[in-house]
Amino acid sequence: MRLKKLEREQVRMKYGGRCAYCGIELGDRWHADHMQSVRRGTSHRWEGKAERPQNHNLDNMMPACVPCNLSKSQMPLEEWRTYLVGHVKSLNLYHPIYRLAKAYGLIVETLAPVVFYFEKVESL
């Protein structure tokens, strides 16, 4: 189920060489993410039979930076969006240096909704 070189390049250029989620410019190391996961039974990415093999198609592939793809894992987009918002609460509860930086005005929480790069691009 690996992508051919040309297919991989098509996925990379889907959003102008940028991560579909955060918008950062992709370097040499990036992942082709299944927006709707194929869900494998094990943690290793090529082991186990895919539960949803129909999701392995170019239309469902998104170019992703490594941090975004690892964070998203097999989550549906809305679940991941909620997960990301939850990080702010976690930072406030468990990270004193974050609270200190916020107290000194170095960090300003906007409470803005999480809007992925591909959503911004497609709404233009």
PDB file of N, CA and C in Angstrom:
ATOM      1  N   MET A   1       0.803  -1.196   0.000  1.00  0.00           N
ATOM      2  CA  MET A   1       0.000   0.000   0.000  1.00  0.00           C
ATOM      3  C   MET A   1       0.849   1.265   0.000  1.00  0.00           C
ATOM      4  N   ARG A   2       2.094   1.140  -0.326  1.00  0.00           N
ATOM      5  CA  ARG A   2       2.949   2.323  -0.410  1.00  0.00           C
ATOM      6  C   ARG A   2       2.630   3.107  -1.684  1.00  0.00           C
ATOM      7  N   LEU A   3       2.817   4.411  -1.590  1.00  0.00           N
ATOM      8  CA  LEU A   3       2.584   5.267  -2.751  1.00  0.00           C
ATOM      9  C   LEU A   3       3.771   5.209  -3.691  1.00  0.00           C
ATOM     10  N   LYS A   4       3.491   5.291  -4.969  1.00  0.00           N
ATOM     11  CA  LYS A   4       4.562   5.401  -5.961  1.00  0.00           C
ATOM     12  C   LYS A   4       5.130   6.819  -5.874  1.00  0.00           C
ATOM     13  N   LYS A   5       6.314   7.007  -6.413  1.00  0.00           N
ATOM     14  CA  LYS A   5       6.994   8.295  -6.326  1.00  0.00           C
ATOM     15  C   LYS A   5       6.141   9.436  -6.889  1.00  0.00           C
ATOM     16  N   LEU A   6       5.519   9.221  -8.036  1.00  0.00           N
ATOM     17  CA  LEU A   6       4.679  10.247  -8.658  1.00  0.00           C
ATOM     18  C   LEU A   6       3.447  10.540  -7.796  1.00  0.00           C
ATOM     19  N   GLU A   7       2.841   9.500  -7.230  1.00  0.00           N
ATOM     20  CA  GLU A   7       1.680   9.688  -6.354  1.00  0.00           C
ATOM     21  C   GLU A   7       2.070  10.481  -5.112  1.00  0.00           C
ATOM     22  N   ARG A   8       3.218  10.151  -4.550  1.00  0.00           N
ATOM     23  CA  ARG A   8       3.696  10.861  -3.362  1.00  0.00           C
ATOM     24  C   ARG A   8       3.909  12.349  -3.667  1.00  0.00           C
ATOM     25  N   GLU A   9       4.445  12.641  -4.835  1.00  0.00           N
ATOM     26  CA  GLU A   9       4.648  14.036  -5.230  1.00  0.00           C
ATOM     27  C   GLU A   9       3.308  14.742  -5.427  1.00  0.00           C
ATOM     28  N   GLN A  10       2.310  14.038  -5.962  1.00  0.00           N
ATOM     29  CA  GLN A  10       0.967  14.614  -6.126  1.00  0.00           C
ATOM     30  C   GLN A  10       0.389  14.981  -4.758  1.00  0.00           C
ATOM     31  N   VAL A  11       0.567  14.099  -3.787  1.00  0.00           N
ATOM     32  CA  VAL A  11       0.069  14.376  -2.437  1.00  0.00           C
ATOM     33  C   VAL A  11       0.811  15.572  -1.851  1.00  0.00           C
ATOM     34  N   ARG A  12       2.129  15.607  -1.993  1.00  0.00           N
ATOM     35  CA  ARG A  12       2.929  16.710  -1.430  1.00  0.00           C
ATOM     36  C   ARG A  12       2.490  18.057  -1.997  1.00  0.00           C
ATOM     37  N   MET A  13       2.157  18.105  -3.260  1.00  0.00           N
ATOM     38  CA  MET A  13       1.806  19.375  -3.908  1.00  0.00           C
ATOM     39  C   MET A  13       0.327  19.729  -3.796  1.00  0.00           C
ATOM     40  N   LYS A  14      -0.451  18.898  -3.131  1.00  0.00           N
ATOM     41  CA  LYS A  14      -1.895  19.126  -2.993  1.00  0.00           C
ATOM     42  C   LYS A  14      -2.196  20.518  -2.418  1.00  0.00           C
ATOM     43  N   TYR A  15      -1.363  20.981  -1.501  1.00  0.00           N
ATOM     44  CA  TYR A  15      -1.534  22.310  -0.891  1.00  0.00           C
ATOM     45  C   TYR A  15      -0.254  23.127  -1.049  1.00  0.00           C
ATOM     46  N   GLY A  16       0.324  23.048  -2.241  1.00  0.00           N
ATOM     47  CA  GLY A  16       1.482  23.861  -2.583  1.00  0.00           C
ATOM     48  C   GLY A  16       2.739  23.515  -1.795  1.00  0.00           C
ATOM     49  N   GLY A  17       2.896  22.247  -1.421  1.00  0.00           N
ATOM     50  CA  GLY A  17       4.081  21.837  -0.681  1.00  0.00           C
ATOM     51  C   GLY A  17       4.009  22.186   0.799  1.00  0.00           C
ATOM     52  N   ARG A  18       2.805  22.416   1.292  1.00  0.00           N
ATOM     53  CA  ARG A  18       2.597  22.764   2.702  1.00  0.00           C
ATOM     54  C   ARG A  18       1.813  21.668   3.416  1.00  0.00           C
ATOM     55  N   CYS A  19       1.979  21.611   4.729  1.00  0.00           N
ATOM     56  CA  CYS A  19       1.219  20.678   5.548  1.00  0.00           C
ATOM     57  C   CYS A  19      -0.257  21.054   5.454  1.00  0.00           C
ATOM     58  N   ALA A  20      -1.084  20.083   5.175  1.00  0.00           N
ATOM     59  CA  ALA A  20      -2.523  20.331   5.040  1.00  0.00           C
ATOM     60  C   ALA A  20      -3.151  20.770   6.344  1.00  0.00           C
ATOM     61  N   TYR A  21      -2.493  20.516   7.459  1.00  0.00           N
ATOM     62  CA  TYR A  21      -3.075  20.792   8.761  1.00  0.00           C
ATOM     63  C   TYR A  21      -2.579  22.105   9.365  1.00  0.00           C
ATOM     64  N   CYS A  22      -1.267  22.301   9.468  1.00  0.00           N
ATOM     65  CA  CYS A  22      -0.759  23.530  10.104  1.00  0.00           C
ATOM     66  C   CYS A  22      -0.266  24.562   9.094  1.00  0.00           C
ATOM     67  N   GLY A  23      -0.007  24.138   7.856  1.00  0.00           N
ATOM     68  CA  GLY A  23       0.402  25.071   6.808  1.00  0.00           C
ATOM     69  C   GLY A  23       1.893  25.308   6.697  1.00  0.00           C
ATOM     70  N   ILE A  24       2.694  24.658   7.540  1.00  0.00           N
ATOM     71  CA  ILE A  24       4.141  24.838   7.461  1.00  0.00           C
ATOM     72  C   ILE A  24       4.653  24.280   6.134  1.00  0.00           C
ATOM     73  N   GLU A  25       5.690  24.895   5.588  1.00  0.00           N
ATOM     74  CA  GLU A  25       6.273  24.390   4.352  1.00  0.00           C
ATOM     75  C   GLU A  25       6.948  23.053   4.635  1.00  0.00           C
ATOM     76  N   LEU A  26       6.636  22.075   3.805  1.00  0.00           N
ATOM     77  CA  LEU A  26       7.187  20.732   4.006  1.00  0.00           C
ATOM     78  C   LEU A  26       8.624  20.660   3.513  1.00  0.00           C
ATOM     79  N   GLY A  27       9.453  20.034   4.295  1.00  0.00           N
ATOM     80  CA  GLY A  27      10.838  19.790   3.887  1.00  0.00           C
ATOM     81  C   GLY A  27      10.954  18.418   3.254  1.00  0.00           C
ATOM     82  N   ASP A  28      12.114  17.820   3.406  1.00  0.00           N
ATOM     83  CA  ASP A  28      12.354  16.497   2.845  1.00  0.00           C
ATOM     84  C   ASP A  28      11.631  15.401   3.621  1.00  0.00           C
ATOM     85  N   ARG A  29      11.422  15.622   4.912  1.00  0.00           N
ATOM     86  CA  ARG A  29      10.792  14.605   5.755  1.00  0.00           C
ATOM     87  C   ARG A  29       9.360  15.020   6.053  1.00  0.00           C
ATOM     88  N   TRP A  30       8.428  14.323   5.461  1.00  0.00           N
ATOM     89  CA  TRP A  30       7.007  14.592   5.673  1.00  0.00           C
ATOM     90  C   TRP A  30       6.243  13.291   5.502  1.00  0.00           C
ATOM     91  N   HIS A  31       5.002  13.267   5.916  1.00  0.00           N
ATOM     92  CA  HIS A  31       4.184  12.059   5.848  1.00  0.00           C
ATOM     93  C   HIS A  31       2.996  12.269   4.920  1.00  0.00           C
ATOM     94  N   ALA A  32       2.618  11.202   4.249  1.00  0.00           N
ATOM     95  CA  ALA A  32       1.369  11.189   3.483  1.00  0.00           C
ATOM     96  C   ALA A  32       0.325  10.581   4.427  1.00  0.00           C
ATOM     97  N   ASP A  33      -0.562  11.423   4.928  1.00  0.00           N
ATOM     98  CA  ASP A  33      -1.536  11.008   5.940  1.00  0.00           C
ATOM     99  C   ASP A  33      -2.854  10.615   5.294  1.00  0.00           C
ATOM    100  N   HIS A  34      -3.472   9.583   5.841  1.00  0.00           N
ATOM    101  CA  HIS A  34      -4.839   9.242   5.452  1.00  0.00           C
ATOM    102  C   HIS A  34      -5.761  10.127   6.286  1.00  0.00           C
ATOM    103  N   MET A  35      -6.441  11.093   5.661  1.00  0.00           N
ATOM    104  CA  MET A  35      -7.327  11.970   6.423  1.00  0.00           C
ATOM    105  C   MET A  35      -8.372  11.125   7.162  1.00  0.00           C
ATOM    106  N   GLN A  36      -8.994  10.211   6.468  1.00  0.00           N
ATOM    107  CA  GLN A  36      -9.851   9.214   7.120  1.00  0.00           C
ATOM    108  C   GLN A  36      -9.012   7.949   7.184  1.00  0.00           C
ATOM    109  N   SER A  37      -8.716   7.517   8.383  1.00  0.00           N
ATOM    110  CA  SER A  37      -7.720   6.465   8.569  1.00  0.00           C
ATOM    111  C   SER A  37      -8.133   5.144   7.936  1.00  0.00           C
ATOM    112  N   VAL A  38      -7.093   4.355   7.638  1.00  0.00           N
ATOM    113  CA  VAL A  38      -7.332   2.990   7.163  1.00  0.00           C
ATOM    114  C   VAL A  38      -7.416   2.040   8.355  1.00  0.00           C
ATOM    115  N   ARG A  39      -7.001   2.489   9.517  1.00  0.00           N
ATOM    116  CA  ARG A  39      -7.029   1.757  10.794  1.00  0.00           C
ATOM    117  C   ARG A  39      -6.410   0.375  10.677  1.00  0.00           C
ATOM    118  N   ARG A  40      -5.210   0.306  11.168  1.00  0.00           N
ATOM    119  CA  ARG A  40      -4.504  -0.970  11.225  1.00  0.00           C
ATOM    120  C   ARG A  40      -4.586  -1.502  12.648  1.00  0.00           C
ATOM    121  N   GLY A  41      -4.490  -2.783  12.781  1.00  0.00           N
ATOM    122  CA  GLY A  41      -4.647  -3.415  14.085  1.00  0.00           C
ATOM    123  C   GLY A  41      -3.466  -3.267  15.024  1.00  0.00           C
ATOM    124  N   THR A  42      -2.303  -2.864  14.530  1.00  0.00           N
ATOM    125  CA  THR A  42      -1.123  -2.758  15.387  1.00  0.00           C
ATOM    126  C   THR A  42      -0.561  -1.346  15.327  1.00  0.00           C
ATOM    127  N   SER A  43       0.405  -1.083  16.182  1.00  0.00           N
ATOM    128  CA  SER A  43       0.985   0.260  16.236  1.00  0.00           C
ATOM    129  C   SER A  43       1.971   0.513  15.106  1.00  0.00           C
ATOM    130  N   HIS A  44       2.570  -0.533  14.543  1.00  0.00           N
ATOM    131  CA  HIS A  44       3.514  -0.338  13.440  1.00  0.00           C
ATOM    132  C   HIS A  44       2.741  -0.036  12.168  1.00  0.00           C
ATOM    133  N   ARG A  45       3.186   0.954  11.420  1.00  0.00           N
ATOM    134  CA  ARG A  45       2.348   1.471  10.344  1.00  0.00           C
ATOM    135  C   ARG A  45       2.091   0.502   9.194  1.00  0.00           C
ATOM    136  N   TRP A  46       2.930  -0.485   8.959  1.00  0.00           N
ATOM    137  CA  TRP A  46       2.696  -1.381   7.827  1.00  0.00           C
ATOM    138  C   TRP A  46       2.330  -2.795   8.275  1.00  0.00           C
ATOM    139  N   GLU A  47       2.146  -3.008   9.555  1.00  0.00           N
ATOM    140  CA  GLU A  47       1.738  -4.333  10.037  1.00  0.00           C
ATOM    141  C   GLU A  47       0.223  -4.377  10.197  1.00  0.00           C
ATOM    142  N   GLY A  48      -0.296  -5.548  10.145  1.00  0.00           N
ATOM    143  CA  GLY A  48      -1.727  -5.707  10.379  1.00  0.00           C
ATOM    144  C   GLY A  48      -2.540  -5.405   9.136  1.00  0.00           C
ATOM    145  N   LYS A  49      -3.696  -6.003   9.068  1.00  0.00           N
ATOM    146  CA  LYS A  49      -4.598  -5.800   7.932  1.00  0.00           C
ATOM    147  C   LYS A  49      -5.394  -4.519   8.141  1.00  0.00           C
ATOM    148  N   ALA A  50      -5.529  -3.737   7.089  1.00  0.00           N
ATOM    149  CA  ALA A  50      -6.294  -2.494   7.156  1.00  0.00           C
ATOM    150  C   ALA A  50      -7.773  -2.801   7.360  1.00  0.00           C
ATOM    151  N   GLU A  51      -8.381  -2.125   8.321  1.00  0.00           N
ATOM    152  CA  GLU A  51      -9.812  -2.305   8.570  1.00  0.00           C
ATOM    153  C   GLU A  51     -10.649  -1.553   7.533  1.00  0.00           C
ATOM    154  N   ARG A  52     -10.084  -0.495   6.984  1.00  0.00           N
ATOM    155  CA  ARG A  52     -10.793   0.314   5.985  1.00  0.00           C
ATOM    156  C   ARG A  52      -9.904   0.522   4.756  1.00  0.00           C
ATOM    157  N   PRO A  53      -9.625  -0.524   3.995  1.00  0.00           N
ATOM    158  CA  PRO A  53      -8.714  -0.381   2.850  1.00  0.00           C
ATOM    159  C   PRO A  53      -9.235   0.591   1.796  1.00  0.00           C
ATOM    160  N   GLN A  54     -10.542   0.819   1.761  1.00  0.00           N
ATOM    161  CA  GLN A  54     -11.115   1.750   0.785  1.00  0.00           C
ATOM    162  C   GLN A  54     -10.622   3.186   1.011  1.00  0.00           C
ATOM    163  N   ASN A  55     -10.103   3.477   2.203  1.00  0.00           N
ATOM    164  CA  ASN A  55      -9.599   4.824   2.500  1.00  0.00           C
ATOM    165  C   ASN A  55      -8.190   5.051   1.981  1.00  0.00           C
ATOM    166  N   HIS A  56      -7.575   4.002   1.435  1.00  0.00           N
ATOM    167  CA  HIS A  56      -6.235   4.184   0.865  1.00  0.00           C
ATOM    168  C   HIS A  56      -6.386   4.580  -0.602  1.00  0.00           C
ATOM    169  N   ASN A  57      -6.589   5.878  -0.810  1.00  0.00           N
ATOM    170  CA  ASN A  57      -6.685   6.419  -2.166  1.00  0.00           C
ATOM    171  C   ASN A  57      -6.168   7.853  -2.145  1.00  0.00           C
ATOM    172  N   LEU A  58      -5.760   8.352  -3.291  1.00  0.00           N
ATOM    173  CA  LEU A  58      -5.129   9.676  -3.367  1.00  0.00           C
ATOM    174  C   LEU A  58      -6.042  10.797  -2.893  1.00  0.00           C
ATOM    175  N   ASP A  59      -7.339  10.682  -3.119  1.00  0.00           N
ATOM    176  CA  ASP A  59      -8.260  11.726  -2.681  1.00  0.00           C
ATOM    177  C   ASP A  59      -8.280  11.858  -1.156  1.00  0.00           C
ATOM    178  N   ASN A  60      -7.976  10.782  -0.452  1.00  0.00           N
ATOM    179  CA  ASN A  60      -8.002  10.760   1.009  1.00  0.00           C
ATOM    180  C   ASN A  60      -6.628  11.036   1.626  1.00  0.00           C
ATOM    181  N   MET A  61      -5.612  11.215   0.794  1.00  0.00           N
ATOM    182  CA  MET A  61      -4.257  11.435   1.296  1.00  0.00           C
ATOM    183  C   MET A  61      -3.982  12.926   1.456  1.00  0.00           C
ATOM    184  N   MET A  62      -3.366  13.267   2.582  1.00  0.00           N
ATOM    185  CA  MET A  62      -3.039  14.658   2.877  1.00  0.00           C
ATOM    186  C   MET A  62      -1.547  14.777   3.178  1.00  0.00           C
ATOM    187  N   PRO A  63      -0.900  15.827   2.659  1.00  0.00           N
ATOM    188  CA  PRO A  63       0.495  16.041   3.019  1.00  0.00           C
ATOM    189  C   PRO A  63       0.552  16.584   4.452  1.00  0.00           C
ATOM    190  N   ALA A  64       1.380  15.978   5.281  1.00  0.00           N
ATOM    191  CA  ALA A  64       1.429  16.375   6.690  1.00  0.00           C
ATOM    192  C   ALA A  64       2.869  16.453   7.174  1.00  0.00           C
ATOM    193  N   CYS A  65       3.148  17.478   7.973  1.00  0.00           N
ATOM    194  CA  CYS A  65       4.441  17.517   8.640  1.00  0.00           C
ATOM    195  C   CYS A  65       4.441  16.397   9.673  1.00  0.00           C
ATOM    196  N   VAL A  66       5.618  15.990  10.075  1.00  0.00           N
ATOM    197  CA  VAL A  66       5.725  14.862  11.006  1.00  0.00           C
ATOM    198  C   VAL A  66       4.988  15.131  12.319  1.00  0.00           C
ATOM    199  N   PRO A  67       5.166  16.313  12.963  1.00  0.00           N
ATOM    200  CA  PRO A  67       4.438  16.532  14.228  1.00  0.00           C
ATOM    201  C   PRO A  67       2.925  16.455  14.085  1.00  0.00           C
ATOM    202  N   CYS A  68       2.364  17.013  13.019  1.00  0.00           N
ATOM    203  CA  CYS A  68       0.909  16.954  12.828  1.00  0.00           C
ATOM    204  C   CYS A  68       0.450  15.520  12.632  1.00  0.00           C
ATOM    205  N   ASN A  69       1.146  14.764  11.786  1.00  0.00           N
ATOM    206  CA  ASN A  69       0.704  13.397  11.524  1.00  0.00           C
ATOM    207  C   ASN A  69       0.819  12.523  12.763  1.00  0.00           C
ATOM    208  N   LEU A  70       1.879  12.688  13.533  1.00  0.00           N
ATOM    209  CA  LEU A  70       2.025  11.894  14.754  1.00  0.00           C
ATOM    210  C   LEU A  70       0.968  12.280  15.781  1.00  0.00           C
ATOM    211  N   SER A  71       0.656  13.558  15.867  1.00  0.00           N
ATOM    212  CA  SER A  71      -0.370  14.018  16.804  1.00  0.00           C
ATOM    213  C   SER A  71      -1.748  13.510  16.390  1.00  0.00           C
ATOM    214  N   LYS A  72      -2.064  13.601  15.112  1.00  0.00           N
ATOM    215  CA  LYS A  72      -3.375  13.176  14.615  1.00  0.00           C
ATOM    216  C   LYS A  72      -3.555  11.672  14.755  1.00  0.00           C
ATOM    217  N   SER A  73      -2.513  10.927  14.467  1.00  0.00           N
ATOM    218  CA  SER A  73      -2.563   9.466  14.540  1.00  0.00           C
ATOM    219  C   SER A  73      -3.732   8.958  13.703  1.00  0.00           C
ATOM    220  N   GLN A  74      -4.617   8.168  14.288  1.00  0.00           N
ATOM    221  CA  GLN A  74      -5.751   7.613  13.536  1.00  0.00           C
ATOM    222  C   GLN A  74      -7.061   8.334  13.857  1.00  0.00           C
ATOM    223  N   MET A  75      -6.949   9.497  14.519  1.00  0.00           N
ATOM    224  CA  MET A  75      -8.161  10.213  14.919  1.00  0.00           C
ATOM    225  C   MET A  75      -8.898  10.818  13.725  1.00  0.00           C
ATOM    226  N   PRO A  76     -10.215  10.815  13.770  1.00  0.00           N
ATOM    227  CA  PRO A  76     -10.981  11.619  12.803  1.00  0.00           C
ATOM    228  C   PRO A  76     -10.680  13.104  13.056  1.00  0.00           C
ATOM    229  N   LEU A  77     -10.878  13.934  12.050  1.00  0.00           N
ATOM    230  CA  LEU A  77     -10.529  15.360  12.168  1.00  0.00           C
ATOM    231  C   LEU A  77     -11.183  16.048  13.364  1.00  0.00           C
ATOM    232  N   GLU A  78     -12.464  15.821  13.576  1.00  0.00           N
ATOM    233  CA  GLU A  78     -13.148  16.523  14.672  1.00  0.00           C
ATOM    234  C   GLU A  78     -12.623  16.081  16.031  1.00  0.00           C
ATOM    235  N   GLU A  79     -12.291  14.818  16.159  1.00  0.00           N
ATOM    236  CA  GLU A  79     -11.712  14.335  17.412  1.00  0.00           C
ATOM    237  C   GLU A  79     -10.342  14.958  17.640  1.00  0.00           C
ATOM    238  N   TRP A  80      -9.543  15.065  16.580  1.00  0.00           N
ATOM    239  CA  TRP A  80      -8.217  15.675  16.692  1.00  0.00           C
ATOM    240  C   TRP A  80      -8.334  17.160  17.018  1.00  0.00           C
ATOM    241  N   ARG A  81      -9.283  17.836  16.408  1.00  0.00           N
ATOM    242  CA  ARG A  81      -9.512  19.264  16.681  1.00  0.00           C
ATOM    243  C   ARG A  81      -9.778  19.468  18.182  1.00  0.00           C
ATOM    244  N   THR A  82     -10.641  18.637  18.758  1.00  0.00           N
ATOM    245  CA  THR A  82     -10.958  18.698  20.189  1.00  0.00           C
ATOM    246  C   THR A  82      -9.723  18.379  21.034  1.00  0.00           C
ATOM    247  N   TYR A  83      -8.969  17.406  20.606  1.00  0.00           N
ATOM    248  CA  TYR A  83      -7.734  17.002  21.285  1.00  0.00           C
ATOM    249  C   TYR A  83      -6.747  18.172  21.344  1.00  0.00           C
ATOM    250  N   LEU A  84      -6.599  18.884  20.224  1.00  0.00           N
ATOM    251  CA  LEU A  84      -5.674  20.028  20.179  1.00  0.00           C
ATOM    252  C   LEU A  84      -6.113  21.134  21.140  1.00  0.00           C
ATOM    253  N   VAL A  85      -7.405  21.421  21.171  1.00  0.00           N
ATOM    254  CA  VAL A  85      -7.922  22.442  22.087  1.00  0.00           C
ATOM    255  C   VAL A  85      -7.638  22.046  23.532  1.00  0.00           C
ATOM    256  N   GLY A  86      -7.730  20.768  23.832  1.00  0.00           N
ATOM    257  CA  GLY A  86      -7.470  20.271  25.173  1.00  0.00           C
ATOM    258  C   GLY A  86      -6.043  20.498  25.642  1.00  0.00           C
ATOM    259  N   HIS A  87      -5.112  20.680  24.723  1.00  0.00           N
ATOM    260  CA  HIS A  87      -3.719  20.935  25.109  1.00  0.00           C
ATOM    261  C   HIS A  87      -3.581  22.240  25.897  1.00  0.00           C
ATOM    262  N   VAL A  88      -4.381  23.231  25.575  1.00  0.00           N
ATOM    263  CA  VAL A  88      -4.299  24.511  26.287  1.00  0.00           C
ATOM    264  C   VAL A  88      -4.668  24.309  27.755  1.00  0.00           C
ATOM    265  N   LYS A  89      -5.708  23.553  28.000  1.00  0.00           N
ATOM    266  CA  LYS A  89      -6.107  23.258  29.375  1.00  0.00           C
ATOM    267  C   LYS A  89      -4.987  22.512  30.097  1.00  0.00           C
ATOM    268  N   SER A  90      -4.396  21.542  29.428  1.00  0.00           N
ATOM    269  CA  SER A  90      -3.301  20.771  30.012  1.00  0.00           C
ATOM    270  C   SER A  90      -2.100  21.661  30.327  1.00  0.00           C
ATOM    271  N   LEU A  91      -1.775  22.559  29.427  1.00  0.00           N
ATOM    272  CA  LEU A  91      -0.654  23.469  29.669  1.00  0.00           C
ATOM    273  C   LEU A  91      -0.908  24.333  30.897  1.00  0.00           C
ATOM    274  N   ASN A  92      -2.129  24.822  31.022  1.00  0.00           N
ATOM    275  CA  ASN A  92      -2.477  25.653  32.177  1.00  0.00           C
ATOM    276  C   ASN A  92      -2.452  24.869  33.480  1.00  0.00           C
ATOM    277  N   LEU A  93      -2.870  23.628  33.447  1.00  0.00           N
ATOM    278  CA  LEU A  93      -2.943  22.822  34.658  1.00  0.00           C
ATOM    279  C   LEU A  93      -1.592  22.266  35.115  1.00  0.00           C
ATOM    280  N   TYR A  94      -0.760  21.857  34.167  1.00  0.00           N
ATOM    281  CA  TYR A  94       0.407  21.060  34.533  1.00  0.00           C
ATOM    282  C   TYR A  94       1.771  21.655  34.195  1.00  0.00           C
ATOM    283  N   HIS A  95       1.805  22.842  33.627  1.00  0.00           N
ATOM    284  CA  HIS A  95       3.091  23.393  33.193  1.00  0.00           C
ATOM    285  C   HIS A  95       3.291  24.812  33.737  1.00  0.00           C
ATOM    286  N   PRO A  96       3.952  24.921  34.882  1.00  0.00           N
ATOM    287  CA  PRO A  96       4.151  26.237  35.514  1.00  0.00           C
ATOM    288  C   PRO A  96       4.870  27.241  34.611  1.00  0.00           C
ATOM    289  N   ILE A  97       5.818  26.780  33.805  1.00  0.00           N
ATOM    290  CA  ILE A  97       6.557  27.714  32.951  1.00  0.00           C
ATOM    291  C   ILE A  97       5.622  28.316  31.895  1.00  0.00           C
ATOM    292  N   TYR A  98       4.625  27.550  31.443  1.00  0.00           N
ATOM    293  CA  TYR A  98       3.626  28.068  30.514  1.00  0.00           C
ATOM    294  C   TYR A  98       2.806  29.162  31.199  1.00  0.00           C
ATOM    295  N   ARG A  99       2.358  28.886  32.426  1.00  0.00           N
ATOM    296  CA  ARG A  99       1.558  29.875  33.167  1.00  0.00           C
ATOM    297  C   ARG A  99       2.376  31.137  33.426  1.00  0.00           C
ATOM    298  N   LEU A 100       3.656  30.982  33.722  1.00  0.00           N
ATOM    299  CA  LEU A 100       4.527  32.129  33.964  1.00  0.00           C
ATOM    300  C   LEU A 100       4.691  32.959  32.684  1.00  0.00           C
ATOM    301  N   ALA A 101       4.928  32.278  31.576  1.00  0.00           N
ATOM    302  CA  ALA A 101       5.059  32.986  30.300  1.00  0.00           C
ATOM    303  C   ALA A 101       3.765  33.727  29.965  1.00  0.00           C
ATOM    304  N   LYS A 102       2.643  33.129  30.275  1.00  0.00           N
ATOM    305  CA  LYS A 102       1.346  33.779  30.044  1.00  0.00           C
ATOM    306  C   LYS A 102       1.197  35.004  30.950  1.00  0.00           C
ATOM    307  N   ALA A 103       1.616  34.877  32.206  1.00  0.00           N
ATOM    308  CA  ALA A 103       1.515  35.985  33.161  1.00  0.00           C
ATOM    309  C   ALA A 103       2.353  37.182  32.714  1.00  0.00           C
ATOM    310  N   TYR A 104       3.474  36.931  32.048  1.00  0.00           N
ATOM    311  CA  TYR A 104       4.337  38.012  31.561  1.00  0.00           C
ATOM    312  C   TYR A 104       3.952  38.492  30.169  1.00  0.00           C
ATOM    313  N   GLY A 105       2.856  38.003  29.653  1.00  0.00           N
ATOM    314  CA  GLY A 105       2.366  38.472  28.354  1.00  0.00           C
ATOM    315  C   GLY A 105       3.094  37.878  27.168  1.00  0.00           C
ATOM    316  N   LEU A 106       3.900  36.862  27.396  1.00  0.00           N
ATOM    317  CA  LEU A 106       4.624  36.235  26.290  1.00  0.00           C
ATOM    318  C   LEU A 106       3.725  35.298  25.481  1.00  0.00           C
ATOM    319  N   ILE A 107       2.669  34.831  26.116  1.00  0.00           N
ATOM    320  CA  ILE A 107       1.699  33.955  25.465  1.00  0.00           C
ATOM    321  C   ILE A 107       0.322  34.559  25.675  1.00  0.00           C
ATOM    322  N   VAL A 108      -0.434  34.648  24.613  1.00  0.00           N
ATOM    323  CA  VAL A 108      -1.806  35.135  24.698  1.00  0.00           C
ATOM    324  C   VAL A 108      -2.714  34.041  24.147  1.00  0.00           C
ATOM    325  N   GLU A 109      -3.586  33.530  24.986  1.00  0.00           N
ATOM    326  CA  GLU A 109      -4.540  32.517  24.538  1.00  0.00           C
ATOM    327  C   GLU A 109      -5.694  33.216  23.838  1.00  0.00           C
ATOM    328  N   THR A 110      -5.970  32.781  22.634  1.00  0.00           N
ATOM    329  CA  THR A 110      -7.022  33.436  21.856  1.00  0.00           C
ATOM    330  C   THR A 110      -8.366  32.721  21.953  1.00  0.00           C
ATOM    331  N   LEU A 111      -8.335  31.456  22.317  1.00  0.00           N
ATOM    332  CA  LEU A 111      -9.538  30.623  22.324  1.00  0.00           C
ATOM    333  C   LEU A 111     -10.188  30.554  20.941  1.00  0.00           C
ATOM    334  N   ALA A 112      -9.370  30.842  19.917  1.00  0.00           N
ATOM    335  CA  ALA A 112      -9.855  30.745  18.540  1.00  0.00           C
ATOM    336  C   ALA A 112     -10.104  29.284  18.199  1.00  0.00           C
ATOM    337  N   PRO A 113     -11.081  29.028  17.367  1.00  0.00           N
ATOM    338  CA  PRO A 113     -11.313  27.635  16.958  1.00  0.00           C
ATOM    339  C   PRO A 113     -10.138  27.127  16.126  1.00  0.00           C
ATOM    340  N   VAL A 114      -9.924  25.832  16.165  1.00  0.00           N
ATOM    341  CA  VAL A 114      -8.872  25.216  15.358  1.00  0.00           C
ATOM    342  C   VAL A 114      -9.386  25.112  13.927  1.00  0.00           C
ATOM    343  N   VAL A 115      -8.705  25.810  13.027  1.00  0.00           N
ATOM    344  CA  VAL A 115      -9.035  25.753  11.607  1.00  0.00           C
ATOM    345  C   VAL A 115      -7.785  25.265  10.899  1.00  0.00           C
ATOM    346  N   PHE A 116      -7.899  24.141  10.221  1.00  0.00           N
ATOM    347  CA  PHE A 116      -6.750  23.563   9.548  1.00  0.00           C
ATOM    348  C   PHE A 116      -6.439  24.327   8.268  1.00  0.00           C
ATOM    349  N   TYR A 117      -5.174  24.271   7.863  1.00  0.00           N
ATOM    350  CA  TYR A 117      -4.709  24.996   6.688  1.00  0.00           C
ATOM    351  C   TYR A 117      -5.551  24.658   5.449  1.00  0.00           C
ATOM    352  N   PHE A 118      -5.826  23.391   5.225  1.00  0.00           N
ATOM    353  CA  PHE A 118      -6.588  23.017   4.024  1.00  0.00           C
ATOM    354  C   PHE A 118      -7.982  23.612   4.047  1.00  0.00           C
ATOM    355  N   GLU A 119      -8.553  23.826   5.241  1.00  0.00           N
ATOM    356  CA  GLU A 119      -9.873  24.442   5.342  1.00  0.00           C
ATOM    357  C   GLU A 119      -9.796  25.921   4.966  1.00  0.00           C
ATOM    358  N   LYS A 120      -8.730  26.582   5.376  1.00  0.00           N
ATOM    359  CA  LYS A 120      -8.539  27.996   5.027  1.00  0.00           C
ATOM    360  C   LYS A 120      -8.355  28.150   3.531  1.00  0.00           C
ATOM    361  N   VAL A 121      -7.520  27.292   2.936  1.00  0.00           N
ATOM    362  CA  VAL A 121      -7.235  27.370   1.503  1.00  0.00           C
ATOM    363  C   VAL A 121      -8.494  27.096   0.683  1.00  0.00           C
ATOM    364  N   GLU A 122      -9.254  26.087   1.098  1.00  0.00           N
ATOM    365  CA  GLU A 122     -10.440  25.710   0.327  1.00  0.00           C
ATOM    366  C   GLU A 122     -11.573  26.726   0.454  1.00  0.00           C
ATOM    367  N   SER A 123     -11.522  27.575   1.499  1.00  0.00           N
ATOM    368  CA  SER A 123     -12.585  28.572   1.669  1.00  0.00           C
ATOM    369  C   SER A 123     -12.302  29.865   0.898  1.00  0.00           C
ATOM    370  N   LEU A 124     -11.124  29.960   0.305  1.00  0.00           N
ATOM    371  CA  LEU A 124     -10.772  31.172  -0.465  1.00  0.00           C
ATOM    372  C   LEU A 124     -11.485  31.230  -1.789  1.00  0.00           C
TER     373      LEU A 124
END
